Amino acid sequence: MTSPRDSPAPPARKRRRRKRSKAANLVWAGLFFVLGVVGLLLPIVPQVPFFVMSLFFLSLVFPGVRKAMRRFLRRHPRIEKSFRKWRDKARRKRRELILREREFAARMRRD
């Protein structure tokens, strides 16, 4: 007689990552732009990271901005290198988190 522990685990469902809507990306872009302007007015607040984040969210909505960003990165290889390094590090972290989640879910199913 087989016990429930002996039976194979059901196949894992693939979870699709929900995309942010265009409106949400525009709201984030606007928020970061406003923070960048505040950074221009107040000397203790950095403005460049906020403007860069604003451009990033705008590039998710407008293909023209995305193309301009890619062109900029190709023309400035040092910036492109650090951007790719940052992006790859984030991808590795995300993969590790997903693997840990799967391992935890598998352990919970066994118990």
N, C-alpha and C. Protein backbone atom coordinates (compact mmCIF):
# COMPACT_ATOMS: atom_id res chain seq x y z
N MET A 1 0.85 -1.18 0.00
CA MET A 1 0.00 0.00 0.00
C MET A 1 0.89 1.24 0.00
N THR A 2 0.55 2.20 -0.82
CA THR A 2 1.39 3.40 -0.93
C THR A 2 0.84 4.48 -0.03
N SER A 3 1.73 5.22 0.52
CA SER A 3 1.32 6.35 1.36
C SER A 3 1.36 7.63 0.53
N PRO A 4 0.72 8.69 1.00
CA PRO A 4 0.75 9.96 0.25
C PRO A 4 2.16 10.49 0.03
N ARG A 5 3.07 10.11 0.93
CA ARG A 5 4.44 10.60 0.77
C ARG A 5 5.16 9.94 -0.40
N ASP A 6 4.75 8.72 -0.73
CA ASP A 6 5.38 7.99 -1.82
C ASP A 6 4.94 8.48 -3.19
N SER A 7 3.78 9.10 -3.27
CA SER A 7 3.27 9.54 -4.57
C SER A 7 4.08 10.74 -5.07
N PRO A 8 4.24 10.83 -6.37
CA PRO A 8 5.03 11.95 -6.91
C PRO A 8 4.32 13.28 -6.67
N ALA A 9 5.10 14.30 -6.51
CA ALA A 9 4.54 15.64 -6.27
C ALA A 9 3.86 16.13 -7.53
N PRO A 10 2.78 16.89 -7.38
CA PRO A 10 2.11 17.43 -8.56
C PRO A 10 3.03 18.42 -9.27
N PRO A 11 2.88 18.55 -10.59
CA PRO A 11 3.76 19.48 -11.31
C PRO A 11 3.55 20.91 -10.82
N ALA A 12 4.66 21.61 -10.71
CA ALA A 12 4.59 22.99 -10.23
C ALA A 12 3.93 23.88 -11.28
N ARG A 13 3.05 24.73 -10.81
CA ARG A 13 2.40 25.67 -11.73
C ARG A 13 3.34 26.83 -12.00
N LYS A 14 3.36 27.24 -13.25
CA LYS A 14 4.18 28.40 -13.59
C LYS A 14 3.39 29.65 -13.24
N ARG A 15 4.01 30.50 -12.49
CA ARG A 15 3.38 31.76 -12.15
C ARG A 15 3.88 32.81 -13.09
N ARG A 16 2.99 33.50 -13.70
CA ARG A 16 3.40 34.59 -14.58
C ARG A 16 3.53 35.85 -13.75
N ARG A 17 4.58 36.58 -14.05
CA ARG A 17 4.79 37.83 -13.36
C ARG A 17 3.83 38.86 -13.93
N ARG A 18 3.09 39.50 -13.05
CA ARG A 18 2.13 40.50 -13.50
C ARG A 18 2.85 41.73 -13.98
N LYS A 19 2.48 42.18 -15.15
CA LYS A 19 3.10 43.39 -15.68
C LYS A 19 2.40 44.61 -15.08
N ARG A 20 3.19 45.64 -14.84
CA ARG A 20 2.60 46.90 -14.40
C ARG A 20 1.92 47.55 -15.59
N SER A 21 0.84 48.20 -15.34
CA SER A 21 0.13 48.86 -16.44
C SER A 21 0.91 50.11 -16.87
N LYS A 22 0.56 50.60 -18.04
CA LYS A 22 1.22 51.81 -18.54
C LYS A 22 0.94 52.98 -17.62
N ALA A 23 -0.27 53.03 -17.10
CA ALA A 23 -0.62 54.14 -16.20
C ALA A 23 0.24 54.10 -14.93
N ALA A 24 0.45 52.90 -14.39
CA ALA A 24 1.27 52.78 -13.18
C ALA A 24 2.71 53.20 -13.48
N ASN A 25 3.23 52.80 -14.63
CA ASN A 25 4.59 53.20 -15.00
C ASN A 25 4.69 54.71 -15.17
N LEU A 26 3.67 55.32 -15.75
CA LEU A 26 3.67 56.78 -15.89
C LEU A 26 3.61 57.48 -14.53
N VAL A 27 2.84 56.91 -13.62
CA VAL A 27 2.77 57.49 -12.26
C VAL A 27 4.13 57.41 -11.59
N TRP A 28 4.79 56.24 -11.69
CA TRP A 28 6.13 56.11 -11.10
C TRP A 28 7.12 57.08 -11.75
N ALA A 29 7.04 57.20 -13.08
CA ALA A 29 7.93 58.13 -13.79
C ALA A 29 7.70 59.56 -13.30
N GLY A 30 6.44 59.94 -13.15
CA GLY A 30 6.12 61.28 -12.66
C GLY A 30 6.62 61.51 -11.24
N LEU A 31 6.44 60.51 -10.39
CA LEU A 31 6.89 60.63 -9.01
C LEU A 31 8.41 60.82 -8.94
N PHE A 32 9.15 60.00 -9.69
CA PHE A 32 10.61 60.14 -9.67
C PHE A 32 11.06 61.45 -10.29
N PHE A 33 10.32 61.93 -11.30
CA PHE A 33 10.68 63.22 -11.90
C PHE A 33 10.49 64.34 -10.88
N VAL A 34 9.39 64.30 -10.15
CA VAL A 34 9.14 65.33 -9.12
C VAL A 34 10.23 65.27 -8.05
N LEU A 35 10.60 64.07 -7.65
CA LEU A 35 11.69 63.94 -6.66
C LEU A 35 13.01 64.48 -7.22
N GLY A 36 13.23 64.31 -8.52
CA GLY A 36 14.42 64.86 -9.15
C GLY A 36 14.41 66.37 -9.13
N VAL A 37 13.24 66.96 -9.37
CA VAL A 37 13.12 68.43 -9.32
C VAL A 37 13.34 68.92 -7.90
N VAL A 38 12.81 68.19 -6.92
CA VAL A 38 13.06 68.55 -5.51
C VAL A 38 14.56 68.49 -5.23
N GLY A 39 15.23 67.49 -5.82
CA GLY A 39 16.67 67.38 -5.65
C GLY A 39 17.42 68.56 -6.24
N LEU A 40 16.87 69.14 -7.33
CA LEU A 40 17.50 70.34 -7.89
C LEU A 40 17.36 71.53 -6.95
N LEU A 41 16.24 71.60 -6.26
CA LEU A 41 15.97 72.75 -5.38
C LEU A 41 16.66 72.63 -4.02
N LEU A 42 16.77 71.40 -3.52
CA LEU A 42 17.42 71.18 -2.22
C LEU A 42 18.79 70.54 -2.45
N PRO A 43 19.84 71.18 -2.00
CA PRO A 43 21.18 70.67 -2.29
C PRO A 43 21.52 69.34 -1.62
N ILE A 44 20.80 68.94 -0.57
CA ILE A 44 21.15 67.70 0.12
C ILE A 44 20.50 66.47 -0.50
N VAL A 45 19.54 66.68 -1.41
CA VAL A 45 18.83 65.56 -2.04
C VAL A 45 19.45 65.30 -3.41
N PRO A 46 19.86 64.07 -3.70
CA PRO A 46 20.44 63.79 -5.01
C PRO A 46 19.35 63.81 -6.09
N GLN A 47 19.68 64.36 -7.25
CA GLN A 47 18.66 64.45 -8.30
C GLN A 47 18.91 63.46 -9.43
N VAL A 48 20.14 63.12 -9.72
CA VAL A 48 20.45 62.27 -10.87
C VAL A 48 19.78 60.89 -10.78
N PRO A 49 19.87 60.18 -9.64
CA PRO A 49 19.21 58.87 -9.59
C PRO A 49 17.70 58.95 -9.84
N PHE A 50 17.07 60.01 -9.37
CA PHE A 50 15.63 60.14 -9.57
C PHE A 50 15.30 60.39 -11.04
N PHE A 51 16.09 61.20 -11.71
CA PHE A 51 15.85 61.43 -13.14
C PHE A 51 16.11 60.16 -13.95
N VAL A 52 17.11 59.39 -13.56
CA VAL A 52 17.40 58.13 -14.25
C VAL A 52 16.25 57.14 -14.06
N MET A 53 15.73 57.05 -12.84
CA MET A 53 14.59 56.16 -12.59
C MET A 53 13.36 56.62 -13.37
N SER A 54 13.19 57.92 -13.47
CA SER A 54 12.08 58.45 -14.25
C SER A 54 12.21 58.03 -15.71
N LEU A 55 13.41 58.15 -16.25
CA LEU A 55 13.65 57.70 -17.64
C LEU A 55 13.41 56.21 -17.79
N PHE A 56 13.82 55.45 -16.80
CA PHE A 56 13.62 54.00 -16.86
C PHE A 56 12.13 53.67 -16.96
N PHE A 57 11.31 54.27 -16.12
CA PHE A 57 9.88 53.98 -16.17
C PHE A 57 9.23 54.52 -17.44
N LEU A 58 9.72 55.64 -17.93
CA LEU A 58 9.20 56.14 -19.21
C LEU A 58 9.57 55.20 -20.35
N SER A 59 10.75 54.58 -20.27
CA SER A 59 11.16 53.66 -21.34
C SER A 59 10.28 52.41 -21.36
N LEU A 60 9.63 52.08 -20.25
CA LEU A 60 8.72 50.94 -20.23
C LEU A 60 7.41 51.26 -20.94
N VAL A 61 7.12 52.55 -21.13
CA VAL A 61 5.87 52.97 -21.76
C VAL A 61 6.09 53.39 -23.20
N PHE A 62 7.15 54.14 -23.45
CA PHE A 62 7.37 54.72 -24.78
C PHE A 62 8.58 54.07 -25.47
N PRO A 63 8.35 53.44 -26.62
CA PRO A 63 9.47 52.80 -27.34
C PRO A 63 10.54 53.79 -27.79
N GLY A 64 10.18 55.01 -28.09
CA GLY A 64 11.16 56.01 -28.51
C GLY A 64 12.17 56.30 -27.41
N VAL A 65 11.69 56.39 -26.18
CA VAL A 65 12.58 56.63 -25.04
C VAL A 65 13.49 55.41 -24.84
N ARG A 66 12.93 54.22 -25.03
CA ARG A 66 13.72 52.99 -24.89
C ARG A 66 14.84 52.96 -25.91
N LYS A 67 14.53 53.33 -27.16
CA LYS A 67 15.56 53.35 -28.20
C LYS A 67 16.64 54.37 -27.89
N ALA A 68 16.23 55.54 -27.40
CA ALA A 68 17.20 56.58 -27.06
C ALA A 68 18.12 56.11 -25.93
N MET A 69 17.55 55.41 -24.94
CA MET A 69 18.38 54.89 -23.84
C MET A 69 19.38 53.86 -24.35
N ARG A 70 18.92 52.97 -25.22
CA ARG A 70 19.84 51.96 -25.77
C ARG A 70 20.96 52.62 -26.58
N ARG A 71 20.60 53.62 -27.37
CA ARG A 71 21.60 54.34 -28.16
C ARG A 71 22.61 55.01 -27.24
N PHE A 72 22.12 55.62 -26.16
CA PHE A 72 23.00 56.27 -25.19
C PHE A 72 23.96 55.26 -24.58
N LEU A 73 23.43 54.09 -24.20
CA LEU A 73 24.29 53.09 -23.59
C LEU A 73 25.34 52.57 -24.56
N ARG A 74 24.97 52.42 -25.83
CA ARG A 74 25.95 51.96 -26.82
C ARG A 74 27.05 52.99 -27.02
N ARG A 75 26.71 54.26 -26.93
CA ARG A 75 27.72 55.31 -27.13
C ARG A 75 28.62 55.50 -25.92
N HIS A 76 28.18 55.03 -24.76
CA HIS A 76 28.94 55.19 -23.52
C HIS A 76 29.18 53.81 -22.90
N PRO A 77 30.23 53.14 -23.36
CA PRO A 77 30.45 51.74 -22.93
C PRO A 77 30.71 51.57 -21.44
N ARG A 78 31.31 52.55 -20.79
CA ARG A 78 31.57 52.40 -19.35
C ARG A 78 30.26 52.38 -18.57
N ILE A 79 29.34 53.24 -18.98
CA ILE A 79 28.03 53.27 -18.31
C ILE A 79 27.28 51.99 -18.63
N GLU A 80 27.38 51.54 -19.87
CA GLU A 80 26.69 50.31 -20.26
C GLU A 80 27.21 49.12 -19.45
N LYS A 81 28.52 49.08 -19.24
CA LYS A 81 29.11 47.98 -18.47
C LYS A 81 28.57 47.96 -17.04
N SER A 82 28.51 49.13 -16.39
CA SER A 82 28.01 49.16 -15.02
C SER A 82 26.51 48.88 -14.98
N PHE A 83 25.77 49.31 -16.01
CA PHE A 83 24.34 49.02 -16.08
C PHE A 83 24.12 47.52 -16.21
N ARG A 84 24.87 46.87 -17.10
CA ARG A 84 24.72 45.42 -17.28
C ARG A 84 25.10 44.66 -16.01
N LYS A 85 26.15 45.12 -15.33
CA LYS A 85 26.57 44.49 -14.08
C LYS A 85 25.46 44.58 -13.04
N TRP A 86 24.86 45.77 -12.93
CA TRP A 86 23.76 45.98 -11.99
C TRP A 86 22.57 45.09 -12.35
N ARG A 87 22.22 45.04 -13.65
CA ARG A 87 21.08 44.26 -14.11
C ARG A 87 21.31 42.78 -13.88
N ASP A 88 22.52 42.28 -14.18
CA ASP A 88 22.81 40.87 -13.99
C ASP A 88 22.79 40.48 -12.51
N LYS A 89 23.26 41.37 -11.66
CA LYS A 89 23.23 41.11 -10.23
C LYS A 89 21.78 40.98 -9.75
N ALA A 90 20.92 41.85 -10.24
CA ALA A 90 19.50 41.79 -9.87
C ALA A 90 18.86 40.51 -10.38
N ARG A 91 19.23 40.08 -11.57
CA ARG A 91 18.68 38.83 -12.12
C ARG A 91 19.12 37.64 -11.28
N ARG A 92 20.39 37.62 -10.88
CA ARG A 92 20.87 36.52 -10.04
C ARG A 92 20.13 36.48 -8.71
N LYS A 93 19.93 37.64 -8.12
CA LYS A 93 19.21 37.69 -6.84
C LYS A 93 17.78 37.17 -7.01
N ARG A 94 17.13 37.59 -8.09
CA ARG A 94 15.76 37.16 -8.34
C ARG A 94 15.70 35.65 -8.54
N ARG A 95 16.66 35.08 -9.29
CA ARG A 95 16.69 33.63 -9.50
C ARG A 95 16.89 32.89 -8.19
N GLU A 96 17.81 33.39 -7.35
CA GLU A 96 18.05 32.76 -6.05
C GLU A 96 16.79 32.79 -5.20
N LEU A 97 16.09 33.90 -5.22
CA LEU A 97 14.86 34.03 -4.44
C LEU A 97 13.81 33.03 -4.94
N ILE A 98 13.68 32.89 -6.25
CA ILE A 98 12.72 31.95 -6.82
C ILE A 98 13.08 30.53 -6.43
N LEU A 99 14.38 30.18 -6.50
CA LEU A 99 14.81 28.83 -6.11
C LEU A 99 14.51 28.56 -4.64
N ARG A 100 14.79 29.54 -3.79
CA ARG A 100 14.49 29.37 -2.36
C ARG A 100 12.99 29.19 -2.13
N GLU A 101 12.16 29.96 -2.87
CA GLU A 101 10.71 29.81 -2.75
C GLU A 101 10.26 28.42 -3.16
N ARG A 102 10.81 27.92 -4.26
CA ARG A 102 10.45 26.57 -4.73
C ARG A 102 10.86 25.51 -3.72
N GLU A 103 12.06 25.64 -3.19
CA GLU A 103 12.53 24.67 -2.20
C GLU A 103 11.63 24.69 -0.96
N PHE A 104 11.26 25.88 -0.52
CA PHE A 104 10.39 26.02 0.64
C PHE A 104 9.02 25.40 0.37
N ALA A 105 8.47 25.65 -0.81
CA ALA A 105 7.16 25.10 -1.18
C ALA A 105 7.23 23.58 -1.25
N ALA A 106 8.34 23.03 -1.77
CA ALA A 106 8.50 21.58 -1.85
C ALA A 106 8.58 20.99 -0.46
N ARG A 107 9.30 21.64 0.46
CA ARG A 107 9.38 21.16 1.83
C ARG A 107 8.02 21.20 2.51
N MET A 108 7.25 22.25 2.25
CA MET A 108 5.93 22.37 2.87
C MET A 108 4.98 21.29 2.35
N ARG A 109 5.12 20.93 1.07
CA ARG A 109 4.27 19.87 0.51
C ARG A 109 4.60 18.52 1.12
N ARG A 110 5.89 18.30 1.40
CA ARG A 110 6.31 17.02 1.98
C ARG A 110 5.81 16.86 3.40
N ASP A 111 5.76 17.94 4.14
CA ASP A 111 5.37 17.86 5.56
C ASP A 111 3.89 17.75 5.76
